[in-house]
Amino acid sequence: MIAIQTKYLSPTNTKGARIKAFATNRPLNWGVTIPYDYSESHEMPHFRAVQALIKKHKLEWDLNNMRFGGIDNGYVFCFDKSIVKESM
């Protein structure tokens, strides 16, 4: 399964708030950080970071069926094609 985790990075003295997105089952350098856009809903900057990650690495992942859920400091995004089937 492909999972992309995002996390909120607090502002510092030199940088504003940011969102970092990284693919959890890919090499460590598969990450991207974008500025936090306060004009959008809370979830949307995290999704924008996912879009930036996919664009940066020229991935052909269809985001139309992406699902997400909240964690302590961000979100985890995954695809609905990753299904666990219960065996009987």
C-alpha atoms as a PDB file:
ATOM      1  CA  MET A   1       0.000   0.000   0.000  1.00  0.00           C
ATOM      2  CA  ILE A   2       1.141   3.509  -0.716  1.00  0.00           C
ATOM      3  CA  ALA A   3       0.721   5.800   2.271  1.00  0.00           C
ATOM      4  CA  ILE A   4       1.644   9.463   2.372  1.00  0.00           C
ATOM      5  CA  GLN A   5       1.983  11.143   5.728  1.00  0.00           C
ATOM      6  CA  THR A   6       1.755  14.883   6.247  1.00  0.00           C
ATOM      7  CA  LYS A   7       2.716  16.882   9.249  1.00  0.00           C
ATOM      8  CA  TYR A   8       2.349  20.475  10.361  1.00  0.00           C
ATOM      9  CA  LEU A   9       5.602  22.347  11.019  1.00  0.00           C
ATOM     10  CA  SER A  10       5.254  25.309  13.367  1.00  0.00           C
ATOM     11  CA  PRO A  11       6.577  28.698  12.330  1.00  0.00           C
ATOM     12  CA  THR A  12      10.089  29.679  13.397  1.00  0.00           C
ATOM     13  CA  ASN A  13      11.886  33.010  13.591  1.00  0.00           C
ATOM     14  CA  THR A  14      12.882  32.658   9.936  1.00  0.00           C
ATOM     15  CA  LYS A  15      10.143  30.525   8.333  1.00  0.00           C
ATOM     16  CA  GLY A  16       6.381  30.564   8.412  1.00  0.00           C
ATOM     17  CA  ALA A  17       4.203  27.552   9.160  1.00  0.00           C
ATOM     18  CA  ARG A  18       4.686  24.694   6.700  1.00  0.00           C
ATOM     19  CA  ILE A  19       3.336  21.275   5.787  1.00  0.00           C
ATOM     20  CA  LYS A  20       5.700  18.392   5.107  1.00  0.00           C
ATOM     21  CA  ALA A  21       4.540  15.388   3.053  1.00  0.00           C
ATOM     22  CA  PHE A  22       6.505  12.169   2.711  1.00  0.00           C
ATOM     23  CA  ALA A  23       5.835   8.696   1.374  1.00  0.00           C
ATOM     24  CA  THR A  24       6.256   6.263   4.243  1.00  0.00           C
ATOM     25  CA  ASN A  25       7.273   3.273   2.134  1.00  0.00           C
ATOM     26  CA  ARG A  26       9.675   5.099  -0.190  1.00  0.00           C
ATOM     27  CA  PRO A  27      13.261   6.356   0.165  1.00  0.00           C
ATOM     28  CA  LEU A  28      13.781   9.014   2.833  1.00  0.00           C
ATOM     29  CA  ASN A  29      14.302  11.750   0.252  1.00  0.00           C
ATOM     30  CA  TRP A  30      10.728  11.324  -1.019  1.00  0.00           C
ATOM     31  CA  GLY A  31       9.467  14.369   0.769  1.00  0.00           C
ATOM     32  CA  VAL A  32       8.353  17.891   0.081  1.00  0.00           C
ATOM     33  CA  THR A  33       7.621  20.901   2.281  1.00  0.00           C
ATOM     34  CA  ILE A  34       5.241  23.682   1.283  1.00  0.00           C
ATOM     35  CA  PRO A  35       4.042  26.876   3.014  1.00  0.00           C
ATOM     36  CA  TYR A  36       0.852  26.562   5.060  1.00  0.00           C
ATOM     37  CA  ASP A  37      -1.994  28.389   3.309  1.00  0.00           C
ATOM     38  CA  TYR A  38      -4.279  29.866   5.972  1.00  0.00           C
ATOM     39  CA  SER A  39      -6.931  30.807   3.388  1.00  0.00           C
ATOM     40  CA  GLU A  40      -8.036  27.176   2.940  1.00  0.00           C
ATOM     41  CA  SER A  41      -9.691  24.627   5.212  1.00  0.00           C
ATOM     42  CA  HIS A  42      -7.431  22.849   7.688  1.00  0.00           C
ATOM     43  CA  GLU A  43      -7.218  19.662   5.578  1.00  0.00           C
ATOM     44  CA  MET A  44      -6.544  21.310   2.225  1.00  0.00           C
ATOM     45  CA  PRO A  45      -2.934  22.460   2.880  1.00  0.00           C
ATOM     46  CA  HIS A  46      -2.124  18.842   3.740  1.00  0.00           C
ATOM     47  CA  PHE A  47      -3.676  17.651   0.483  1.00  0.00           C
ATOM     48  CA  ARG A  48      -1.767  20.365  -1.407  1.00  0.00           C
ATOM     49  CA  ALA A  49       1.450  18.952   0.083  1.00  0.00           C
ATOM     50  CA  VAL A  50       0.485  15.493  -1.210  1.00  0.00           C
ATOM     51  CA  GLN A  51      -0.097  17.001  -4.660  1.00  0.00           C
ATOM     52  CA  ALA A  52       3.312  18.711  -4.502  1.00  0.00           C
ATOM     53  CA  LEU A  53       5.014  15.425  -3.549  1.00  0.00           C
ATOM     54  CA  ILE A  54       3.419  13.630  -6.499  1.00  0.00           C
ATOM     55  CA  LYS A  55       4.340  16.441  -8.891  1.00  0.00           C
ATOM     56  CA  LYS A  56       7.936  16.674  -7.615  1.00  0.00           C
ATOM     57  CA  HIS A  57       8.584  12.971  -8.169  1.00  0.00           C
ATOM     58  CA  LYS A  58       6.549  12.781 -11.409  1.00  0.00           C
ATOM     59  CA  LEU A  59       4.344  10.012 -10.047  1.00  0.00           C
ATOM     60  CA  GLU A  60       1.295   8.789 -11.921  1.00  0.00           C
ATOM     61  CA  TRP A  61      -0.907   8.271  -8.880  1.00  0.00           C
ATOM     62  CA  ASP A  62      -4.606   8.974  -9.286  1.00  0.00           C
ATOM     63  CA  LEU A  63      -5.720  11.165  -6.383  1.00  0.00           C
ATOM     64  CA  ASN A  64      -9.431  10.948  -7.185  1.00  0.00           C
ATOM     65  CA  ASN A  65     -10.016   8.031  -4.821  1.00  0.00           C
ATOM     66  CA  MET A  66      -7.590   9.028  -2.096  1.00  0.00           C
ATOM     67  CA  ARG A  67      -8.758   8.707   1.503  1.00  0.00           C
ATOM     68  CA  PHE A  68      -7.287  10.352   4.579  1.00  0.00           C
ATOM     69  CA  GLY A  69      -7.432  10.301   8.328  1.00  0.00           C
ATOM     70  CA  GLY A  70      -6.055  12.501  11.071  1.00  0.00           C
ATOM     71  CA  ILE A  71      -3.092  11.718  13.300  1.00  0.00           C
ATOM     72  CA  ASP A  72      -1.481  13.724  16.129  1.00  0.00           C
ATOM     73  CA  ASN A  73       0.281  16.326  13.991  1.00  0.00           C
ATOM     74  CA  GLY A  74      -1.128  15.851  10.500  1.00  0.00           C
ATOM     75  CA  TYR A  75      -2.804  13.287   8.258  1.00  0.00           C
ATOM     76  CA  VAL A  76      -2.183  10.002   6.499  1.00  0.00           C
ATOM     77  CA  PHE A  77      -3.398   9.690   2.913  1.00  0.00           C
ATOM     78  CA  CYS A  78      -3.859   6.361   1.133  1.00  0.00           C
ATOM     79  CA  PHE A  79      -5.746   4.917  -1.806  1.00  0.00           C
ATOM     80  CA  ASP A  80      -9.023   3.025  -1.692  1.00  0.00           C
ATOM     81  CA  LYS A  81      -7.561   0.227  -3.818  1.00  0.00           C
ATOM     82  CA  SER A  82      -5.623  -0.948  -0.772  1.00  0.00           C
ATOM     83  CA  ILE A  83      -8.297  -3.137   0.785  1.00  0.00           C
ATOM     84  CA  VAL A  84      -8.062  -5.690   3.566  1.00  0.00           C
ATOM     85  CA  LYS A  85     -10.363  -8.614   2.873  1.00  0.00           C
ATOM     86  CA  GLU A  86     -11.536 -10.674   5.780  1.00  0.00           C
ATOM     87  CA  SER A  87     -11.268 -14.393   5.167  1.00  0.00           C
ATOM     88  CA  MET A  88     -13.869 -16.706   6.611  1.00  0.00           C
END
